[in-house]
Amino acid sequence: MPERPLLPLPTPRPSVPPGGPRGGSDPRFPSGRRQRETFGPVFNRLREALSRGAAELRQDPNALAPERVIVFEIAGTVQNFLNAIRKVRGLEFMAEYATEFTADQDFAVIDDRKATKGQDRTDKAVPGRLYLAMPDMRALSELLSLWDRWGRGEALSTGYTPFGHLFAQLKAMRPWGPQDRIPEETLAFWREQQEHNPDQPVRTEIELWYHESDTRRRQSARVLESLLDDAGGRLIHQSVIPEIGYHGMLVDIPSGYVQNLLDERTVQLAFADDVMFLRPQSVLLSPLEIEAEPAGAPEVRTQFLPTGQPIAALLDGVPLQAHTLLAD
């Protein structure tokens, strides 16, 4: 009997996933006229700024600008939107997240329960998506052109139709800002560090937007190193992992600078366009935090590890270090 017998894989059979909770269906969107009234001023400001050039656009940290990530917050989802983004030259897709928001006069989940069918579910959160993309000047101009054509009721060219759905389902369109870069978990970590070690620098992970271009990544790194120098901070380590689209820096930030970030979030690191997140350092702080070895777990020794070509792998972008079962 072999020590590790082959395990036969079962024959795949189709199955129907269980139904979710009842009482809601697709979201209701506002009319095209309402969307034009809501977002027309946003695109008009962009039109005026584009006529004055990229430098003026970038002076305002709250404006849509080249090399600054745009957040498209929508209700529901837009099929094939990533393919449409790729058709706009200079518009680089950065990330996509699931989200939800409170129902209002413009967006709500439509009730599909028998007694109240077709009504708005004001008690139910509206599911949505955040699409994040970084434009250059040409991409901003094309985005404005697509909006103008959609607003006039013209059909969009082949491959660009998803932008029409995006405009119809748009809840918010804004630049990625300090409220996005500094999550609540980071604020809580900084407060704890300030309380226990008020005079010590705070070790923080800066996750940058990952760019496919090595030149663009180096440029981002230089900008962040300059901001860090201005703040009196120190770069500990920099890591680029193309396989998972990760570019990060481990830094020490002076205590006073951290306090400013906590109080106002008005310093340069909070507004730096190249920064995706400021996070607590992702390491184990003490042996007590290492997950206890489960009872009866086999002792892991090097001589028992398998050899040969692997047939399967489990990938994790943020692995836990120093787990007892990963010894050696």
Protein backbone atom coordinates (compact mmCIF):
# COMPACT_ATOMS: atom_id res chain seq x y z
CA MET A 1 0.00 0.00 0.00
CA PRO A 2 1.65 3.30 -1.04
CA GLU A 3 2.11 5.92 1.67
CA ARG A 4 0.19 8.47 -0.39
CA PRO A 5 -2.32 6.65 -2.61
CA LEU A 6 -3.72 8.39 -5.67
CA LEU A 7 -7.12 9.96 -5.02
CA PRO A 8 -9.51 9.59 -7.97
CA LEU A 9 -11.32 12.78 -8.93
CA PRO A 10 -15.12 12.43 -9.09
CA THR A 11 -16.90 12.74 -12.41
CA PRO A 12 -18.14 16.35 -12.70
CA ARG A 13 -21.89 16.80 -12.76
CA PRO A 14 -23.81 20.05 -13.31
CA SER A 15 -25.66 21.39 -10.29
CA VAL A 16 -27.95 24.34 -9.70
CA PRO A 17 -26.71 26.77 -7.04
CA PRO A 18 -29.13 27.42 -4.20
CA GLY A 19 -31.29 30.48 -4.56
CA GLY A 20 -30.48 33.56 -2.51
CA PRO A 21 -32.83 35.36 -0.17
CA ARG A 22 -36.07 36.49 -1.72
CA GLY A 23 -37.44 40.00 -1.79
CA GLY A 24 -35.26 41.83 -4.28
CA SER A 25 -34.28 41.83 -7.93
CA ASP A 26 -32.37 44.16 -10.26
CA PRO A 27 -31.76 47.76 -9.20
CA ARG A 28 -33.87 50.61 -10.51
CA PHE A 29 -31.82 53.32 -12.23
CA PRO A 30 -32.67 57.00 -12.71
CA SER A 31 -33.81 58.34 -16.09
CA GLY A 32 -31.29 59.52 -18.64
CA ARG A 33 -32.47 63.09 -18.07
CA ARG A 34 -31.82 62.79 -14.34
CA GLN A 35 -28.31 61.42 -14.99
CA ARG A 36 -27.54 64.30 -17.36
CA GLU A 37 -28.69 66.79 -14.71
CA THR A 38 -26.59 65.10 -12.03
CA PHE A 39 -23.34 64.54 -13.92
CA GLY A 40 -23.54 67.21 -16.60
CA PRO A 41 -21.81 69.77 -14.33
CA VAL A 42 -19.05 67.26 -13.52
CA PHE A 43 -18.27 66.71 -17.20
CA ASN A 44 -18.60 70.44 -17.95
CA ARG A 45 -15.94 71.22 -15.33
CA LEU A 46 -13.75 68.54 -16.89
CA ARG A 47 -14.32 70.10 -20.34
CA GLU A 48 -13.28 73.55 -19.08
CA ALA A 49 -10.22 72.16 -17.29
CA LEU A 50 -9.09 70.16 -20.31
CA SER A 51 -8.98 73.34 -22.34
CA ARG A 52 -6.47 74.77 -19.87
CA GLY A 53 -4.14 71.74 -19.78
CA ALA A 54 -2.96 68.94 -17.51
CA ALA A 55 -1.01 71.17 -15.10
CA GLU A 56 -4.12 73.01 -13.94
CA LEU A 57 -6.10 69.79 -13.66
CA ARG A 58 -3.54 68.30 -11.29
CA GLN A 59 -3.40 71.38 -9.04
CA ASP A 60 -6.80 70.49 -7.60
CA PRO A 61 -6.56 67.17 -5.68
CA ASN A 62 -10.36 66.80 -5.85
CA ALA A 63 -10.57 67.05 -9.65
CA LEU A 64 -10.46 64.37 -12.32
CA ALA A 65 -6.97 64.60 -13.77
CA PRO A 66 -4.47 62.64 -15.88
CA GLU A 67 -2.49 60.00 -13.96
CA ARG A 68 -5.06 60.18 -11.15
CA VAL A 69 -7.32 57.18 -10.53
CA ILE A 70 -11.01 57.73 -11.28
CA VAL A 71 -13.61 55.88 -9.23
CA PHE A 72 -16.75 54.96 -11.18
CA GLU A 73 -19.32 53.90 -8.57
CA ILE A 74 -22.32 52.25 -10.18
CA ALA A 75 -25.45 50.37 -9.23
CA GLY A 76 -25.43 46.74 -10.38
CA THR A 77 -22.74 45.69 -12.83
CA VAL A 78 -21.80 46.50 -16.42
CA GLN A 79 -21.08 43.53 -18.66
CA ASN A 80 -17.89 43.70 -20.74
CA PHE A 81 -16.86 47.01 -19.19
CA LEU A 82 -13.23 45.95 -18.86
CA ASN A 83 -13.12 45.18 -22.58
CA ALA A 84 -14.55 48.64 -23.27
CA ILE A 85 -11.88 50.28 -21.08
CA ARG A 86 -9.19 48.58 -23.14
CA LYS A 87 -10.56 50.27 -26.28
CA VAL A 88 -9.91 53.73 -24.83
CA ARG A 89 -6.24 54.50 -25.43
CA GLY A 90 -4.56 55.82 -22.31
CA LEU A 91 -7.23 54.53 -19.89
CA GLU A 92 -5.53 51.95 -17.65
CA PHE A 93 -7.78 49.64 -15.64
CA MET A 94 -6.60 49.44 -12.02
CA ALA A 95 -9.11 47.47 -9.93
CA GLU A 96 -12.73 46.44 -9.40
CA TYR A 97 -14.53 46.06 -6.06
CA ALA A 98 -18.00 45.01 -4.98
CA THR A 99 -19.87 47.63 -2.99
CA GLU A 100 -23.36 48.59 -1.85
CA PHE A 101 -25.12 51.78 -0.83
CA THR A 102 -28.34 52.95 0.75
CA ALA A 103 -31.38 53.21 -1.53
CA ASP A 104 -32.47 56.76 -2.45
CA GLN A 105 -34.73 58.55 -4.91
CA ASP A 106 -32.50 57.58 -7.83
CA PHE A 107 -31.43 54.01 -7.04
CA ALA A 108 -33.25 51.21 -5.28
CA VAL A 109 -33.72 47.45 -5.47
CA ILE A 110 -37.01 46.55 -7.14
CA ASP A 111 -39.20 44.36 -4.95
CA ASP A 112 -40.15 41.01 -6.47
CA ARG A 113 -42.30 39.75 -3.60
CA LYS A 114 -45.85 38.98 -4.66
CA ALA A 115 -47.63 41.45 -2.37
CA THR A 116 -45.32 44.40 -3.16
CA LYS A 117 -43.99 43.48 -6.60
CA GLY A 118 -42.47 46.38 -8.53
CA GLN A 119 -42.07 48.71 -5.56
CA ASP A 120 -38.78 50.10 -4.26
CA ARG A 121 -37.09 48.25 -1.39
CA THR A 122 -36.05 51.27 0.70
CA ASP A 123 -34.93 48.88 3.46
CA LYS A 124 -32.50 47.01 1.20
CA ALA A 125 -28.97 48.09 0.23
CA VAL A 126 -28.35 48.53 -3.49
CA PRO A 127 -25.54 46.25 -4.75
CA GLY A 128 -22.96 47.85 -6.98
CA ARG A 129 -19.41 47.98 -8.26
CA LEU A 130 -16.45 50.30 -8.04
CA TYR A 131 -14.48 50.41 -11.29
CA LEU A 132 -11.10 52.11 -10.91
CA ALA A 133 -9.15 53.37 -13.92
CA MET A 134 -6.25 55.77 -14.48
CA PRO A 135 -6.51 58.07 -17.54
CA ASP A 136 -4.11 60.27 -19.44
CA MET A 137 -5.20 63.48 -21.21
CA ARG A 138 -6.29 61.64 -24.35
CA ALA A 139 -8.40 59.19 -22.33
CA LEU A 140 -10.11 62.03 -20.43
CA SER A 141 -10.98 63.68 -23.73
CA GLU A 142 -12.41 60.45 -25.12
CA LEU A 143 -14.38 59.83 -21.92
CA LEU A 144 -15.88 63.31 -22.30
CA SER A 145 -16.70 62.60 -25.96
CA LEU A 146 -18.47 59.35 -25.03
CA TRP A 147 -20.51 61.19 -22.40
CA ASP A 148 -21.53 63.87 -24.93
CA ARG A 149 -22.65 61.27 -27.47
CA TRP A 150 -24.60 59.33 -24.85
CA GLY A 151 -26.22 62.56 -23.61
CA ARG A 152 -27.40 63.37 -27.16
CA GLY A 153 -28.95 59.92 -27.44
CA GLU A 154 -26.50 58.76 -30.13
CA ALA A 155 -25.48 55.12 -30.43
CA LEU A 156 -21.94 54.45 -29.25
CA SER A 157 -19.51 52.70 -31.56
CA THR A 158 -19.01 48.94 -31.48
CA GLY A 159 -17.25 47.92 -28.29
CA TYR A 160 -18.07 51.17 -26.48
CA THR A 161 -21.68 50.31 -25.58
CA PRO A 162 -20.73 49.41 -21.97
CA PHE A 163 -19.92 53.08 -21.40
CA GLY A 164 -23.57 53.87 -22.13
CA HIS A 165 -24.62 51.43 -19.43
CA LEU A 166 -21.99 52.93 -17.11
CA PHE A 167 -23.41 56.44 -17.53
CA ALA A 168 -26.96 55.16 -16.98
CA GLN A 169 -26.00 53.35 -13.77
CA LEU A 170 -23.52 55.90 -12.43
CA LYS A 171 -23.93 56.70 -8.74
CA ALA A 172 -20.73 58.70 -8.30
CA MET A 173 -17.63 59.62 -10.29
CA ARG A 174 -14.69 61.05 -8.37
CA PRO A 175 -10.93 60.80 -7.95
CA TRP A 176 -9.47 58.23 -5.53
CA GLY A 177 -8.90 60.30 -2.41
CA PRO A 178 -7.63 60.31 1.18
CA GLN A 179 -10.80 58.62 2.44
CA ASP A 180 -9.98 55.68 0.13
CA ARG A 181 -6.22 55.53 0.76
CA ILE A 182 -6.47 55.39 4.54
CA PRO A 183 -8.89 52.64 5.68
CA GLU A 184 -10.35 52.60 9.18
CA GLU A 185 -8.07 49.70 10.16
CA THR A 186 -5.06 51.90 9.43
CA LEU A 187 -6.42 54.79 11.48
CA ALA A 188 -7.06 52.42 14.40
CA PHE A 189 -3.51 51.03 14.12
CA TRP A 190 -1.98 54.51 14.07
CA ARG A 191 -4.02 55.62 17.10
CA GLU A 192 -2.87 52.55 19.02
CA GLN A 193 0.75 53.22 18.11
CA GLN A 194 0.45 56.88 19.10
CA GLU A 195 -1.01 55.88 22.45
CA HIS A 196 1.60 53.27 23.34
CA ASN A 197 4.68 54.72 21.58
CA PRO A 198 3.95 58.43 21.12
CA ASP A 199 7.51 59.41 20.21
CA GLN A 200 8.39 56.47 17.97
CA PRO A 201 8.07 56.36 14.16
CA VAL A 202 5.23 54.18 12.92
CA ARG A 203 6.05 51.36 10.51
CA THR A 204 3.49 51.38 7.71
CA GLU A 205 2.98 49.59 4.39
CA ILE A 206 2.37 51.86 1.40
CA GLU A 207 0.69 49.96 -1.42
CA LEU A 208 1.14 51.75 -4.73
CA TRP A 209 -0.96 51.38 -7.83
CA TYR A 210 0.62 48.59 -9.85
CA HIS A 211 1.59 49.55 -13.41
CA GLU A 212 2.53 47.07 -16.12
CA SER A 213 5.26 49.47 -17.26
CA ASP A 214 8.51 49.13 -15.34
CA THR A 215 9.33 52.75 -16.22
CA ARG A 216 6.02 53.91 -14.73
CA ARG A 217 6.62 51.88 -11.56
CA ARG A 218 10.08 53.41 -11.12
CA GLN A 219 8.59 56.86 -11.58
CA SER A 220 5.97 56.17 -8.89
CA ALA A 221 8.67 54.91 -6.53
CA ARG A 222 10.77 58.06 -7.01
CA VAL A 223 7.79 60.29 -6.25
CA LEU A 224 6.99 58.38 -3.05
CA GLU A 225 10.62 58.34 -1.90
CA SER A 226 10.75 62.12 -2.36
CA LEU A 227 7.54 62.60 -0.33
CA LEU A 228 8.92 60.30 2.35
CA ASP A 229 12.16 62.30 2.54
CA ASP A 230 10.19 65.53 2.87
CA ALA A 231 8.25 63.99 5.77
CA GLY A 232 11.42 62.88 7.53
CA GLY A 233 10.52 59.22 7.04
CA ARG A 234 12.62 56.25 6.04
CA LEU A 235 12.23 53.57 3.37
CA ILE A 236 12.80 50.11 4.86
CA HIS A 237 12.04 47.88 1.88
CA GLN A 238 10.39 47.98 -1.53
CA SER A 239 8.71 45.00 -3.20
CA VAL A 240 7.35 44.44 -6.70
CA ILE A 241 5.52 41.15 -7.40
CA PRO A 242 4.26 41.18 -11.01
CA GLU A 243 2.48 37.82 -10.66
CA ILE A 244 -0.09 39.34 -8.28
CA GLY A 245 0.10 42.94 -9.49
CA TYR A 246 1.69 44.22 -6.27
CA HIS A 247 3.99 47.20 -5.72
CA GLY A 248 4.59 48.17 -2.11
CA MET A 249 6.94 49.94 0.25
CA LEU A 250 7.58 49.32 3.93
CA VAL A 251 8.35 52.66 5.58
CA ASP A 252 8.82 54.35 8.94
CA ILE A 253 6.70 57.51 9.28
CA PRO A 254 7.57 60.07 11.99
CA SER A 255 5.12 60.29 14.88
CA GLY A 256 4.21 63.94 14.23
CA TYR A 257 3.46 63.24 10.58
CA VAL A 258 1.21 60.33 11.57
CA GLN A 259 -0.66 62.61 13.98
CA ASN A 260 -1.33 65.02 11.12
CA LEU A 261 -2.65 62.16 9.03
CA LEU A 262 -4.94 61.18 11.92
CA ASP A 263 -6.20 64.70 12.58
CA GLU A 264 -6.63 66.18 9.12
CA ARG A 265 -5.39 63.85 6.36
CA THR A 266 -4.14 66.94 4.55
CA VAL A 267 -0.47 66.00 4.14
CA GLN A 268 1.05 64.90 0.87
CA LEU A 269 1.00 61.16 1.49
CA ALA A 270 -2.79 61.29 1.81
CA PHE A 271 -3.12 63.05 -1.55
CA ALA A 272 -0.34 61.28 -3.46
CA ASP A 273 -1.87 59.98 -6.70
CA ASP A 274 0.50 57.00 -6.79
CA VAL A 275 -0.73 55.67 -3.42
CA MET A 276 -3.45 53.04 -3.38
CA PHE A 277 -3.49 52.26 0.36
CA LEU A 278 -1.66 53.08 3.55
CA ARG A 279 -1.88 49.97 5.74
CA PRO A 280 -0.53 48.60 9.01
CA GLN A 281 2.61 46.54 8.54
CA SER A 282 1.52 43.00 7.56
CA VAL A 283 3.72 40.91 9.81
CA LEU A 284 3.25 38.85 12.95
CA LEU A 285 4.18 40.99 15.93
CA SER A 286 4.82 38.23 18.47
CA PRO A 287 4.93 34.44 18.74
CA LEU A 288 1.62 34.59 20.64
CA GLU A 289 -0.11 35.68 17.45
CA ILE A 290 1.00 32.59 15.51
CA GLU A 291 -1.91 30.25 14.98
CA ALA A 292 -1.69 27.29 17.33
CA GLU A 293 -0.89 23.97 15.74
CA PRO A 294 -4.09 21.90 15.61
CA ALA A 295 -4.24 18.90 17.93
CA GLY A 296 -2.94 15.77 16.27
CA ALA A 297 -1.32 17.63 13.37
CA PRO A 298 1.57 15.66 11.85
CA GLU A 299 5.05 16.95 12.44
CA VAL A 300 6.38 18.58 9.30
CA ARG A 301 9.90 17.53 8.38
CA THR A 302 11.87 18.27 5.27
CA GLN A 303 12.43 14.61 4.38
CA PHE A 304 8.66 14.01 4.16
CA LEU A 305 7.92 16.82 1.72
CA PRO A 306 6.79 15.63 -1.73
CA THR A 307 9.12 15.77 -4.71
CA GLY A 308 8.59 15.96 -8.44
CA GLN A 309 6.39 18.26 -10.52
CA PRO A 310 3.37 19.68 -8.65
CA ILE A 311 -0.10 19.06 -10.03
CA ALA A 312 -1.95 21.75 -8.07
CA ALA A 313 -1.17 24.94 -6.19
CA LEU A 314 -2.86 27.25 -3.73
CA LEU A 315 -1.94 30.90 -4.32
CA ASP A 316 -2.35 33.75 -1.84
CA GLY A 317 -1.25 37.31 -2.51
CA VAL A 318 -0.63 38.00 1.18
CA PRO A 319 0.69 34.79 2.79
CA LEU A 320 0.94 34.42 6.56
CA GLN A 321 4.57 34.09 7.55
CA ALA A 322 6.06 31.79 10.20
CA HIS A 323 3.10 29.42 10.53
CA THR A 324 4.23 26.29 12.39
CA LEU A 325 2.97 24.00 9.63
CA LEU A 326 5.17 25.83 7.11
CA ALA A 327 8.39 25.19 9.01
CA ASP A 328 11.39 24.45 6.73
